[in-house]
Protein backbone atom coordinates (compact mmCIF):
# COMPACT_ATOMS: atom_id res chain seq x y z
CA MET A 1 81.91 149.30 259.27
CA PRO A 2 81.82 152.05 256.62
CA GLN A 3 79.12 154.70 256.82
CA LYS A 4 76.39 154.13 254.22
CA PHE A 5 74.85 156.75 251.93
CA ASP A 6 72.84 156.90 248.74
CA TYR A 7 75.01 159.63 247.25
CA ILE A 8 78.41 160.94 248.24
CA ILE A 9 79.71 164.31 247.03
CA ILE A 10 83.48 164.54 247.31
CA GLY A 11 84.49 168.17 247.71
CA SER A 12 82.49 171.12 249.06
CA GLY A 13 83.63 173.75 246.60
CA LEU A 14 81.56 175.37 243.87
CA ALA A 15 80.43 172.19 242.10
CA GLY A 16 79.98 170.08 245.23
CA LEU A 17 77.87 172.63 247.08
CA GLN A 18 75.81 173.59 244.03
CA LEU A 19 75.02 169.90 243.58
CA ALA A 20 74.19 169.47 247.28
CA TYR A 21 71.93 172.53 247.16
CA ALA A 22 70.14 171.18 244.06
CA PHE A 23 69.57 167.84 245.81
CA GLY A 24 68.20 169.68 248.83
CA GLN A 25 65.77 171.77 246.77
CA ASP A 26 64.27 168.80 244.92
CA PRO A 27 61.61 166.68 246.75
CA PHE A 28 62.69 163.68 244.64
CA PHE A 29 65.76 163.31 246.89
CA LYS A 30 63.98 163.90 250.21
CA LYS A 31 64.59 160.33 251.36
CA SER A 32 68.10 160.03 249.91
CA LYS A 33 70.94 159.97 252.43
CA ILE A 34 73.61 162.33 251.12
CA ALA A 35 77.14 163.06 252.35
CA ILE A 36 79.36 165.99 251.44
CA ILE A 37 82.94 165.10 252.32
CA ASP A 38 85.76 167.64 252.38
CA PRO A 39 88.86 168.17 254.57
CA SER A 40 88.03 171.91 254.87
CA LYS A 41 85.19 173.60 256.74
CA LYS A 42 85.07 176.31 254.06
CA GLU A 43 85.02 179.19 256.52
CA THR A 44 87.13 181.72 254.63
CA ASN A 45 86.59 183.78 251.50
CA ASP A 46 89.06 181.95 249.28
CA LYS A 47 87.86 183.18 245.89
CA THR A 48 85.44 185.41 244.02
CA TRP A 49 83.14 184.15 241.27
CA CYS A 50 81.66 186.32 238.55
CA TYR A 51 79.07 185.37 235.97
CA TRP A 52 76.47 186.88 233.67
CA GLU A 53 72.80 186.06 233.42
CA LYS A 54 69.53 187.53 232.27
CA GLY A 55 67.20 188.93 234.92
CA ALA A 56 66.89 187.51 238.41
CA GLY A 57 68.85 184.45 239.48
CA LYS A 58 68.80 181.96 242.34
CA TRP A 59 71.87 183.52 244.01
CA ASP A 60 70.80 187.18 243.82
CA GLU A 61 70.27 187.56 247.57
CA ILE A 62 73.96 186.87 248.26
CA ILE A 63 75.74 188.59 245.36
CA THR A 64 78.10 191.41 246.30
CA ARG A 65 77.40 193.65 243.29
CA SER A 66 76.12 193.52 239.74
CA TRP A 67 76.71 195.69 236.67
CA LYS A 68 74.87 196.42 233.44
CA GLN A 69 77.84 198.20 231.87
CA GLY A 70 81.37 197.03 231.19
CA LYS A 71 84.58 198.18 229.54
CA PHE A 72 87.17 196.56 227.30
CA ILE A 73 90.45 198.44 226.78
CA SER A 74 93.39 197.60 224.52
CA LYS A 75 95.87 199.50 222.36
CA GLU A 76 93.41 199.46 219.47
CA ALA A 77 90.06 199.76 221.25
CA ASN A 78 88.31 201.44 224.16
CA LEU A 79 84.86 199.91 224.21
CA ASN A 80 81.81 200.58 226.36
CA LEU A 81 79.82 197.35 226.68
CA ASN A 82 76.06 197.60 227.22
CA LEU A 83 75.15 194.20 228.67
CA ASP A 84 71.36 194.55 228.82
CA PRO A 85 69.39 192.26 229.21
CA TYR A 86 72.31 190.57 230.96
CA SER A 87 73.87 191.58 234.27
CA TYR A 88 77.42 190.76 235.33
CA LYS A 89 77.30 189.51 238.92
CA MET A 90 79.96 189.15 241.60
CA LEU A 91 79.70 186.56 244.37
CA ARG A 92 82.12 185.99 247.26
CA SER A 93 82.81 182.33 247.94
CA LEU A 94 82.29 182.67 251.71
CA ASP A 95 78.79 184.07 251.18
CA PHE A 96 78.05 181.13 248.89
CA TYR A 97 79.39 178.55 251.36
CA LYS A 98 77.33 180.04 254.22
CA PHE A 99 74.17 180.24 252.10
CA VAL A 100 74.26 176.59 251.00
CA LYS A 101 75.17 175.28 254.45
CA ALA A 102 72.33 177.27 256.02
CA ALA A 103 69.88 175.91 253.45
CA LEU A 104 70.88 172.31 254.26
CA LYS A 105 71.56 172.43 257.99
CA ASP A 106 68.04 171.37 259.07
CA LYS A 107 67.67 168.61 256.48
CA TYR A 108 68.15 165.32 258.34
CA ASN A 109 69.33 163.47 255.22
CA PHE A 110 72.39 165.69 254.59
CA HIS A 111 75.67 165.05 256.36
CA PHE A 112 78.75 167.29 256.17
CA ILE A 113 81.84 165.24 256.96
CA LEU A 114 85.38 166.51 257.56
CA ASP A 115 87.62 163.95 255.91
CA GLU A 116 89.85 163.57 252.86
CA ILE A 117 88.96 160.86 250.38
CA GLU A 118 92.06 159.14 249.06
CA VAL A 119 90.69 156.34 246.86
CA ILE A 120 87.35 155.17 245.50
CA ASP A 121 87.06 151.38 245.30
CA GLU A 122 84.46 151.17 242.55
CA LYS A 123 84.16 147.38 242.64
CA ASN A 124 83.00 147.50 246.26
CA THR A 125 81.54 151.06 246.01
CA ILE A 126 83.63 152.28 248.94
CA ALA A 127 85.36 155.63 249.32
CA LEU A 128 88.45 155.28 251.48
CA GLY A 129 89.10 158.35 253.62
CA LYS A 130 91.95 159.27 255.94
CA LYS A 131 89.60 159.00 258.93
CA GLU A 132 86.86 156.59 257.87
CA ASN A 133 85.42 154.70 254.90
CA TYR A 134 82.08 155.36 253.19
CA THR A 135 79.80 153.42 250.84
CA ALA A 136 77.29 154.82 248.36
CA THR A 137 75.21 153.95 245.33
CA HIS A 138 76.94 156.74 243.38
CA PHE A 139 79.84 159.12 243.92
CA PHE A 140 80.17 162.69 242.60
CA ASP A 141 83.87 163.43 242.62
CA SER A 142 85.43 166.90 242.21
CA ARG A 143 89.04 165.78 242.71
CA ILE A 144 91.34 166.55 239.76
CA ASN A 145 93.85 164.04 238.50
CA SER A 146 97.04 166.09 238.18
CA GLY A 147 98.25 163.63 235.55
CA TYR A 148 96.61 165.88 232.94
CA LEU A 149 99.70 168.09 233.17
CA GLU A 150 101.74 165.32 231.56
CA ASP A 151 99.28 164.66 228.74
CA SER A 152 100.95 165.61 225.46
CA SER A 153 97.79 165.43 223.33
CA SER A 154 95.95 168.28 225.10
CA THR A 155 96.58 172.02 225.26
CA LYS A 156 97.09 173.62 228.65
CA ILE A 157 96.78 177.33 229.33
CA PHE A 158 96.66 178.61 232.91
CA GLN A 159 94.48 181.48 234.03
CA HIS A 160 96.50 182.68 236.99
CA PHE A 161 96.03 185.87 238.91
CA LYS A 162 96.41 187.87 242.06
CA GLY A 163 93.72 190.25 243.26
CA LEU A 164 93.79 193.17 245.66
CA HIS A 165 90.70 194.55 247.38
CA ILE A 166 91.73 198.18 247.88
CA LYS A 167 90.20 201.20 249.57
CA THR A 168 91.18 204.72 248.51
CA ASN A 169 91.00 207.92 250.53
CA THR A 170 88.97 209.75 247.89
CA PRO A 171 86.36 208.64 245.33
CA VAL A 172 88.03 206.98 242.32
CA PHE A 173 85.76 204.33 240.88
CA ASP A 174 82.68 204.48 238.66
CA THR A 175 80.41 201.93 240.33
CA SER A 176 78.17 201.58 237.27
CA THR A 177 80.88 199.97 235.14
CA PHE A 178 83.33 197.10 235.60
CA THR A 179 86.40 196.50 233.43
CA MET A 180 86.44 193.08 231.77
CA MET A 181 89.95 193.43 230.31
CA ASP A 182 92.43 196.29 230.34
CA PHE A 183 95.54 195.51 228.30
CA ARG A 184 97.33 198.82 228.85
CA LEU A 185 99.82 197.14 231.21
CA LYS A 186 101.06 193.91 229.71
CA PHE A 187 103.75 191.42 230.68
CA PRO A 188 106.10 190.98 227.66
CA ASP A 189 104.99 188.55 224.94
CA SER A 190 101.98 187.33 226.88
CA THR A 191 98.21 187.52 227.20
CA SER A 192 97.93 189.50 230.42
CA PHE A 193 95.56 192.21 231.59
CA THR A 194 93.93 193.96 234.54
CA TYR A 195 90.36 193.20 235.65
CA VAL A 196 88.51 195.76 237.81
CA LEU A 197 85.35 195.26 239.85
CA PRO A 198 84.28 198.53 241.58
CA LEU A 199 82.42 197.89 244.84
CA ASN A 200 81.78 201.53 245.73
CA ASP A 201 83.41 204.80 244.69
CA CYS A 202 86.35 204.19 247.08
CA GLU A 203 86.68 200.39 246.91
CA ALA A 204 87.40 197.87 244.18
CA LEU A 205 88.77 194.41 243.54
CA LEU A 206 91.61 194.61 241.04
CA GLU A 207 93.12 191.46 239.57
CA TYR A 208 96.18 191.14 237.41
CA THR A 209 95.51 188.10 235.24
CA PHE A 210 97.49 185.91 232.84
CA PHE A 211 96.21 183.48 230.19
CA THR A 212 99.55 181.79 229.57
CA PRO A 213 101.21 178.36 229.21
CA PHE A 214 103.47 179.32 232.12
CA LEU A 215 103.09 180.46 235.72
CA THR A 216 105.01 183.31 237.31
CA GLU A 217 106.34 184.62 240.62
CA GLU A 218 104.02 186.52 242.96
CA SER A 219 106.23 189.61 242.70
CA ILE A 220 105.18 189.99 239.05
CA TYR A 221 101.50 190.37 239.96
CA ASP A 222 102.43 192.83 242.73
CA THR A 223 104.50 194.98 240.40
CA TYR A 224 101.77 195.28 237.77
CA LEU A 225 98.99 195.87 240.29
CA LYS A 226 100.97 198.64 242.00
CA THR A 227 101.77 200.22 238.63
CA TYR A 228 98.13 200.07 237.54
CA ILE A 229 96.95 201.72 240.74
CA LYS A 230 99.59 204.45 240.51
CA ASP A 231 99.74 205.15 236.77
CA ILE A 232 96.28 204.21 235.47
CA LEU A 233 94.08 205.01 238.46
CA ASN A 234 96.37 207.88 239.58
CA VAL A 235 96.10 206.75 243.19
CA GLU A 236 99.04 207.25 245.54
CA GLU A 237 97.52 206.26 248.88
CA TYR A 238 95.29 203.28 249.48
CA GLU A 239 94.63 200.49 251.93
CA ILE A 240 94.74 196.81 250.98
CA ILE A 241 91.69 195.21 252.61
CA GLY A 242 92.16 191.72 251.21
CA THR A 243 94.00 189.61 248.66
CA GLU A 244 93.25 186.51 246.64
CA LYS A 245 95.21 184.31 244.27
CA GLY A 246 94.22 181.55 241.93
CA VAL A 247 95.20 179.20 239.13
CA ILE A 248 92.46 177.89 236.84
CA PRO A 249 93.28 175.32 234.15
CA MET A 250 92.04 176.37 230.69
CA THR A 251 92.42 173.17 228.71
CA ASP A 252 90.83 170.80 226.21
CA TYR A 253 91.95 167.83 228.32
CA ASP A 254 89.07 165.37 228.69
CA PHE A 255 88.74 165.35 232.48
CA HIS A 256 85.22 163.93 232.16
CA GLU A 257 86.49 160.67 230.68
CA ALA A 258 87.50 159.66 234.21
CA SER A 259 83.79 159.26 234.99
CA SER A 260 82.45 155.71 235.24
CA PRO A 261 79.15 153.92 235.98
CA LYS A 262 79.63 154.51 239.72
CA VAL A 263 81.54 157.81 239.68
CA THR A 264 80.57 161.07 237.99
CA LYS A 265 83.35 163.65 237.88
CA ILE A 266 82.08 167.17 238.59
CA GLY A 267 83.43 170.72 238.42
CA THR A 268 86.84 171.15 236.86
CA ALA A 269 87.30 167.38 237.19
CA GLY A 270 84.25 166.90 234.94
CA SER A 271 85.36 169.37 232.23
CA TRP A 272 82.79 171.89 233.50
CA VAL A 273 85.15 174.90 233.30
CA LYS A 274 84.83 176.72 229.97
CA GLY A 275 88.18 176.02 228.34
CA SER A 276 88.56 179.32 226.49
CA THR A 277 87.64 181.61 229.40
CA GLY A 278 87.98 179.78 232.72
CA TYR A 279 84.38 180.71 233.68
CA SER A 280 82.58 178.00 235.61
CA PHE A 281 79.79 179.32 237.85
CA LYS A 282 76.83 179.33 235.44
CA HIS A 283 78.16 176.33 233.51
CA THR A 284 78.09 174.43 236.79
CA GLU A 285 74.51 175.48 237.51
CA LYS A 286 73.32 174.37 234.06
CA LYS A 287 75.16 171.06 234.14
CA ILE A 288 73.82 170.23 237.60
CA ALA A 289 70.25 170.87 236.42
CA LEU A 290 70.82 168.35 233.61
CA LEU A 291 72.56 165.90 235.94
CA ILE A 292 69.61 166.00 238.35
CA GLN A 293 67.18 165.42 235.49
CA ASN A 294 69.25 162.46 234.31
CA ILE A 295 69.04 160.82 237.73
CA LYS A 296 65.29 161.38 237.98
CA THR A 297 64.68 159.84 234.55
CA GLY A 298 66.94 156.84 235.14
CA LYS A 299 69.78 157.95 232.88
CA ASP A 300 73.51 157.94 233.55
CA PRO A 301 74.13 161.15 235.57
CA LYS A 302 76.83 162.31 233.15
CA ASN A 303 74.67 161.89 230.04
CA GLY A 304 74.87 164.97 227.79
CA LEU A 305 77.02 167.03 230.17
CA THR A 306 79.70 167.81 227.56
CA ASN A 307 79.27 169.78 224.34
CA ALA A 308 81.74 168.36 221.81
CA ARG A 309 81.36 171.22 219.31
CA SER A 310 82.00 173.94 221.89
CA ARG A 311 84.95 172.01 223.29
CA TRP A 312 86.44 171.89 219.79
CA TYR A 313 86.07 175.67 219.36
CA ASP A 314 87.76 176.13 222.73
CA ALA A 315 90.56 173.76 221.69
CA ILE A 316 91.31 175.84 218.59
CA PHE A 317 91.47 179.06 220.60
CA LEU A 318 93.66 177.48 223.28
CA ASP A 319 96.04 176.13 220.64
CA VAL A 320 96.49 179.65 219.24
CA LEU A 321 97.21 181.06 222.71
CA ASN A 322 99.58 178.22 223.49
CA ARG A 323 101.65 178.68 220.34
CA ASN A 324 101.34 182.45 219.97
CA ASN A 325 100.52 183.82 223.40
CA GLU A 326 101.45 187.36 222.39
CA LEU A 327 98.38 187.41 220.08
CA GLY A 328 95.93 187.42 222.98
CA GLU A 329 95.34 191.16 223.07
CA GLN A 330 94.70 191.25 219.31
CA LEU A 331 92.31 188.28 219.42
CA PHE A 332 90.30 189.59 222.37
CA THR A 333 90.11 193.01 220.71
CA LYS A 334 88.51 191.38 217.67
CA PHE A 335 86.22 189.33 219.88
CA TYR A 336 84.82 192.35 221.72
CA SER A 337 84.84 194.88 218.88
CA LYS A 338 83.23 192.67 216.19
CA ASN A 339 80.54 191.06 218.34
CA THR A 340 77.96 192.45 220.74
CA PRO A 341 78.12 191.48 224.44
CA GLN A 342 74.84 189.63 223.93
CA GLU A 343 76.33 187.55 221.09
CA ILE A 344 79.46 186.89 223.14
CA PHE A 345 77.57 185.76 226.24
CA LYS A 346 75.27 183.51 224.20
CA TYR A 347 78.31 181.92 222.54
CA LEU A 348 80.20 181.44 225.80
CA ASP A 349 77.05 179.98 227.38
CA GLU A 350 77.07 177.39 224.55
CA GLU A 351 73.56 178.38 223.48
CA THR A 352 74.36 179.32 219.86
CA ASN A 353 73.68 177.50 216.60
CA ILE A 354 76.33 176.73 213.99
CA VAL A 355 75.66 179.90 211.97
CA GLU A 356 76.10 182.08 215.08
CA GLU A 357 79.23 180.18 216.04
CA LEU A 358 80.79 180.61 212.61
CA LYS A 359 80.17 184.37 212.83
CA ILE A 360 82.11 184.45 216.09
CA MET A 361 84.93 182.30 214.74
CA PHE A 362 85.29 184.36 211.55
CA SER A 363 85.43 187.55 213.63
CA LEU A 364 88.61 186.16 215.22
CA TYR A 365 90.18 185.28 211.89
CA ASP A 366 93.95 185.05 211.91
CA SER A 367 96.34 182.82 209.98
CA GLN A 368 97.21 181.14 213.27
CA PHE A 369 93.58 180.13 213.66
CA VAL A 370 93.71 178.29 210.35
CA ARG A 371 96.78 176.37 211.50
CA SER A 372 95.19 175.55 214.84
CA PHE A 373 91.96 174.52 213.11
CA PHE A 374 93.75 171.80 211.16
CA ARG A 375 95.91 170.77 214.12
CA LYS A 376 92.83 170.15 216.25
CA LEU A 377 90.86 168.64 213.36
CA PHE A 378 93.42 165.92 212.74
């Protein structure tokens, strides 16, 4: 017989665990039997999340560092970014996994299950796993259908990167300021840059990042990271404490359309990743708050989770990068030099009105934007 639950969360990554934590914090779900099913125990630090927010946040006790100042560097600009009243916060995935598991471990109605779900039989409301089968009233599914890669009607840019956590022998880093984008070392004809998060004056996480329609060999990241450390930081000797790699889809593909009356797609699989930036942490938190409210008021859990206007803006930007990837440095220079960090964060948080959005879009004006505007309009 299959195990029975009220809700099943498939995947214990960012979206799955944020949703589980939200269920656990709300007395409304105290009697709901909830399963979180994943083939991994999530016991390693497999990624780093960064996000901005005003004032204190619910994850502040586990963040690694935060900054009130940032930098943007390109051939045409060297900008100091005063983020106040926002802070830019860094959170290690392992700290997040441990925090959520600890918060839920004594709640009798939560069950962490090591299994891999292969198919959801919606007619019979059964999730078929490699080890066992499970029934539920509703499923929250973070699995991505890789078929989106073959979809010709959507634009696909990949944010792919490799990061090195390094330690130097002498003080090098200004811990008060992180570097959002540094375009001084750029892979030919591409949108590529270095991202620097200083942890203390001798330690930092450096990532070499691409926003491109293509992927690349690991040796490319290594070459540019080594060159940045040697030529930009002027560091000859250092220790590599850790590494991380990732590929994040930046796309206008409608992942969320795979949701159904019994299954709500979450995370990347629910179109929760911001298409134009790849940021997901705070978007996930906001969408889960709305999802929870939908359940409590008897609405479809996915009601109102997507913002069509913001997705259209993202689609235009992605189309430009897809067709003219070499323009990335120029476009991001306009973005950061013609708008304040506060305006940028509000826009990326999808909290702006049409007038504010048009100001942002006009600041990025380029003939390629006009072409992409009409391509995505029709």
